[in-house]
Structures are given as structure tokens and as C-alpha cells.
Amino acid sequence: MQDDFQVISERTAVKTLEELVSVALGDTGQSRYVRLFLLGLYNGDAWPFSLYQLRGIDGRLKLACLKLLKLDAVYPAKEIHQYIADGSTIFRNLADIQREEVAAKAEANRILWRDRRK
């Protein structure tokens, strides 16, 4: 059986990862989905990612995510955060941003429900 997966170079992986990290550090809907995707690659047990969420990002970013998924799943030379300089810190920052977003949303929902009961 022929291997349909082509190895991507480390240089390509770094460029793709840096592009996705840049998006993930933003504050758009796409940022959230890309952040969750990257966190899922980083630690899938702590940050489960539903593939359905890929539908929330544009085609270019979706292809970049799939490129990294292929690298991580088929040819994992190292952990995803190790491809970029200061990757551990960057991924911890992504996790902190996501936790803050979840906490803010929970607080907004709490206030909304409190106000509805009045």
C-alpha cells in the first residue's frame, strides 16, 4: 500500500505553527477554534478538541491545522510546542487565554441567569 502522506519539512511545520499561534493569540471566533486545536495537539487529555470545530475557521487556516495534525499524528518527531522558540511558554499562554475566556463566559451566563430570575 502506497503511503499517501508526504512528510512536511520542519521549516514548513515551524512556519505553519507560527501562523496558527499568531491567530490563536487573537480574540476572534477563529482565534478561539485555532487555540483549541493547538491546545488539543499539545495536551489532548486536558484540552479535548472536537473536529467539528474546524468548521468555524476559514479554509486557509483549516488546511494549516490539517497540515500540523498530519505532522503530529503521522510523523511526530517532537512535541508540537517544541517546534517553535519558547513554545512551552507560548502554549501555557494559550491555555491561560482559554481559561480566562471560559471563566468570563461562565460569569456572563451567571449574571444573565441571575438577572432573569429577578
C-alpha atoms as a PDB file:
ATOM      1  CA  MET A   1       0.000   0.000   0.000  1.00  0.00           C
ATOM      2  CA  GLN A   2       1.382   3.357  -1.014  1.00  0.00           C
ATOM      3  CA  ASP A   3       1.904   5.997   1.691  1.00  0.00           C
ATOM      4  CA  ASP A   4      -0.367   8.897   0.743  1.00  0.00           C
ATOM      5  CA  PHE A   5       1.159  11.137   3.386  1.00  0.00           C
ATOM      6  CA  GLN A   6       4.079  13.291   2.407  1.00  0.00           C
ATOM      7  CA  VAL A   7       6.461  14.366   5.123  1.00  0.00           C
ATOM      8  CA  ILE A   8       6.416  18.108   5.676  1.00  0.00           C
ATOM      9  CA  SER A   9       9.704  19.755   6.467  1.00  0.00           C
ATOM     10  CA  GLU A  10      10.440  21.115   9.909  1.00  0.00           C
ATOM     11  CA  ARG A  11      10.774  24.554   8.325  1.00  0.00           C
ATOM     12  CA  THR A  12       7.242  24.262   6.934  1.00  0.00           C
ATOM     13  CA  ALA A  13       5.981  22.994  10.285  1.00  0.00           C
ATOM     14  CA  VAL A  14       7.522  25.955  12.105  1.00  0.00           C
ATOM     15  CA  LYS A  15       6.088  28.464   9.627  1.00  0.00           C
ATOM     16  CA  THR A  16       2.639  26.865   9.827  1.00  0.00           C
ATOM     17  CA  LEU A  17       2.725  26.665  13.602  1.00  0.00           C
ATOM     18  CA  GLU A  18       3.839  30.289  13.943  1.00  0.00           C
ATOM     19  CA  GLU A  19       0.978  31.390  11.686  1.00  0.00           C
ATOM     20  CA  LEU A  20      -1.561  29.440  13.729  1.00  0.00           C
ATOM     21  CA  VAL A  21      -0.147  30.682  17.046  1.00  0.00           C
ATOM     22  CA  SER A  22      -0.474  34.241  15.784  1.00  0.00           C
ATOM     23  CA  VAL A  23      -4.152  33.635  15.016  1.00  0.00           C
ATOM     24  CA  ALA A  24      -4.700  31.759  18.298  1.00  0.00           C
ATOM     25  CA  LEU A  25      -3.406  34.706  20.312  1.00  0.00           C
ATOM     26  CA  GLY A  26      -6.095  36.942  18.799  1.00  0.00           C
ATOM     27  CA  ASP A  27      -9.637  37.484  20.017  1.00  0.00           C
ATOM     28  CA  THR A  28     -11.865  36.406  17.136  1.00  0.00           C
ATOM     29  CA  GLY A  29     -14.059  33.332  16.816  1.00  0.00           C
ATOM     30  CA  GLN A  30     -11.437  31.808  14.554  1.00  0.00           C
ATOM     31  CA  SER A  31      -8.803  32.543  17.205  1.00  0.00           C
ATOM     32  CA  ARG A  32     -10.715  30.508  19.750  1.00  0.00           C
ATOM     33  CA  TYR A  33     -11.050  27.496  17.445  1.00  0.00           C
ATOM     34  CA  VAL A  34      -7.409  27.618  16.372  1.00  0.00           C
ATOM     35  CA  ARG A  35      -6.354  27.995  20.016  1.00  0.00           C
ATOM     36  CA  LEU A  36      -8.434  24.963  20.991  1.00  0.00           C
ATOM     37  CA  PHE A  37      -6.975  22.973  18.096  1.00  0.00           C
ATOM     38  CA  LEU A  38      -3.401  23.805  19.112  1.00  0.00           C
ATOM     39  CA  LEU A  39      -4.125  23.044  22.754  1.00  0.00           C
ATOM     40  CA  GLY A  40      -5.627  19.733  21.680  1.00  0.00           C
ATOM     41  CA  LEU A  41      -2.380  18.824  19.907  1.00  0.00           C
ATOM     42  CA  TYR A  42      -0.410  19.997  22.932  1.00  0.00           C
ATOM     43  CA  ASN A  43      -2.408  18.061  25.527  1.00  0.00           C
ATOM     44  CA  GLY A  44      -5.490  16.301  24.228  1.00  0.00           C
ATOM     45  CA  ASP A  45      -6.466  14.953  27.639  1.00  0.00           C
ATOM     46  CA  ALA A  46      -6.618  18.409  29.200  1.00  0.00           C
ATOM     47  CA  TRP A  47      -7.878  20.150  26.042  1.00  0.00           C
ATOM     48  CA  PRO A  48     -10.122  17.802  24.025  1.00  0.00           C
ATOM     49  CA  PHE A  49     -10.881  19.149  20.557  1.00  0.00           C
ATOM     50  CA  SER A  50     -13.940  18.276  18.519  1.00  0.00           C
ATOM     51  CA  LEU A  51     -13.116  18.075  14.820  1.00  0.00           C
ATOM     52  CA  TYR A  52     -16.489  19.721  14.211  1.00  0.00           C
ATOM     53  CA  GLN A  53     -14.899  22.939  15.470  1.00  0.00           C
ATOM     54  CA  LEU A  54     -12.716  23.065  12.354  1.00  0.00           C
ATOM     55  CA  ARG A  55     -15.852  24.244  10.565  1.00  0.00           C
ATOM     56  CA  GLY A  56     -15.520  27.511  12.494  1.00  0.00           C
ATOM     57  CA  ILE A  57     -12.365  28.594  10.670  1.00  0.00           C
ATOM     58  CA  ASP A  58     -11.665  29.601   7.097  1.00  0.00           C
ATOM     59  CA  GLY A  59     -10.229  27.250   4.502  1.00  0.00           C
ATOM     60  CA  ARG A  60      -6.645  28.516   4.660  1.00  0.00           C
ATOM     61  CA  LEU A  61      -6.452  28.094   8.434  1.00  0.00           C
ATOM     62  CA  LYS A  62      -8.228  24.752   8.246  1.00  0.00           C
ATOM     63  CA  LEU A  63      -5.591  23.454   5.828  1.00  0.00           C
ATOM     64  CA  ALA A  64      -2.835  24.750   8.119  1.00  0.00           C
ATOM     65  CA  CYS A  65      -4.428  22.878  11.040  1.00  0.00           C
ATOM     66  CA  LEU A  66      -4.639  19.697   8.996  1.00  0.00           C
ATOM     67  CA  LYS A  67      -1.001  20.053   7.982  1.00  0.00           C
ATOM     68  CA  LEU A  68       0.012  20.212  11.647  1.00  0.00           C
ATOM     69  CA  LEU A  69      -2.302  17.345  12.534  1.00  0.00           C
ATOM     70  CA  LYS A  70      -0.621  15.223   9.870  1.00  0.00           C
ATOM     71  CA  LEU A  71       2.792  16.140  11.217  1.00  0.00           C
ATOM     72  CA  ASP A  72       1.808  15.398  14.807  1.00  0.00           C
ATOM     73  CA  ALA A  73      -0.140  12.211  14.100  1.00  0.00           C
ATOM     74  CA  VAL A  74       1.901  10.590  11.342  1.00  0.00           C
ATOM     75  CA  TYR A  75       5.448  11.897  11.730  1.00  0.00           C
ATOM     76  CA  PRO A  76       5.799  13.081  15.336  1.00  0.00           C
ATOM     77  CA  ALA A  77       9.498  13.951  15.615  1.00  0.00           C
ATOM     78  CA  LYS A  78       8.835  16.017  18.747  1.00  0.00           C
ATOM     79  CA  GLU A  79       6.039  17.547  20.795  1.00  0.00           C
ATOM     80  CA  ILE A  80       4.151  20.276  18.939  1.00  0.00           C
ATOM     81  CA  HIS A  81       5.299  23.081  21.252  1.00  0.00           C
ATOM     82  CA  GLN A  82       8.937  22.116  20.698  1.00  0.00           C
ATOM     83  CA  TYR A  83       8.908  23.256  17.077  1.00  0.00           C
ATOM     84  CA  ILE A  84       8.970  26.946  17.993  1.00  0.00           C
ATOM     85  CA  ALA A  85      11.163  29.071  20.218  1.00  0.00           C
ATOM     86  CA  ASP A  86       9.738  29.455  23.735  1.00  0.00           C
ATOM     87  CA  GLY A  87       6.959  27.052  22.773  1.00  0.00           C
ATOM     88  CA  SER A  88       6.246  25.919  26.332  1.00  0.00           C
ATOM     89  CA  THR A  89       5.590  29.499  27.429  1.00  0.00           C
ATOM     90  CA  ILE A  90       3.513  30.246  24.335  1.00  0.00           C
ATOM     91  CA  PHE A  91       1.321  27.192  24.841  1.00  0.00           C
ATOM     92  CA  ARG A  92       0.880  27.981  28.546  1.00  0.00           C
ATOM     93  CA  ASN A  93      -0.240  31.464  27.472  1.00  0.00           C
ATOM     94  CA  LEU A  94      -2.733  29.922  25.049  1.00  0.00           C
ATOM     95  CA  ALA A  95      -4.096  27.791  27.886  1.00  0.00           C
ATOM     96  CA  ASP A  96      -4.347  30.839  30.166  1.00  0.00           C
ATOM     97  CA  ILE A  97      -6.219  32.796  27.482  1.00  0.00           C
ATOM     98  CA  GLN A  98      -8.639  29.916  27.007  1.00  0.00           C
ATOM     99  CA  ARG A  99      -9.238  29.526  30.744  1.00  0.00           C
ATOM    100  CA  GLU A 100      -9.915  33.263  31.056  1.00  0.00           C
ATOM    101  CA  GLU A 101     -12.338  33.131  28.123  1.00  0.00           C
ATOM    102  CA  VAL A 102     -14.215  30.208  29.673  1.00  0.00           C
ATOM    103  CA  ALA A 103     -14.342  31.945  33.067  1.00  0.00           C
ATOM    104  CA  ALA A 104     -15.604  35.193  31.527  1.00  0.00           C
ATOM    105  CA  LYS A 105     -18.301  33.345  29.607  1.00  0.00           C
ATOM    106  CA  ALA A 106     -19.369  31.465  32.745  1.00  0.00           C
ATOM    107  CA  GLU A 107     -19.568  34.723  34.690  1.00  0.00           C
ATOM    108  CA  ALA A 108     -21.613  36.383  31.932  1.00  0.00           C
ATOM    109  CA  ASN A 109     -24.016  33.438  31.921  1.00  0.00           C
ATOM    110  CA  ARG A 110     -24.284  33.543  35.715  1.00  0.00           C
ATOM    111  CA  ILE A 111     -25.189  37.243  35.598  1.00  0.00           C
ATOM    112  CA  LEU A 112     -27.668  36.671  32.780  1.00  0.00           C
ATOM    113  CA  TRP A 113     -29.474  33.926  34.690  1.00  0.00           C
ATOM    114  CA  ARG A 114     -29.406  35.937  37.911  1.00  0.00           C
ATOM    115  CA  ASP A 115     -30.995  38.906  36.151  1.00  0.00           C
ATOM    116  CA  ARG A 116     -33.641  36.735  34.510  1.00  0.00           C
ATOM    117  CA  ARG A 117     -34.766  35.432  37.894  1.00  0.00           C
ATOM    118  CA  LYS A 118     -35.447  38.949  39.168  1.00  0.00           C
END
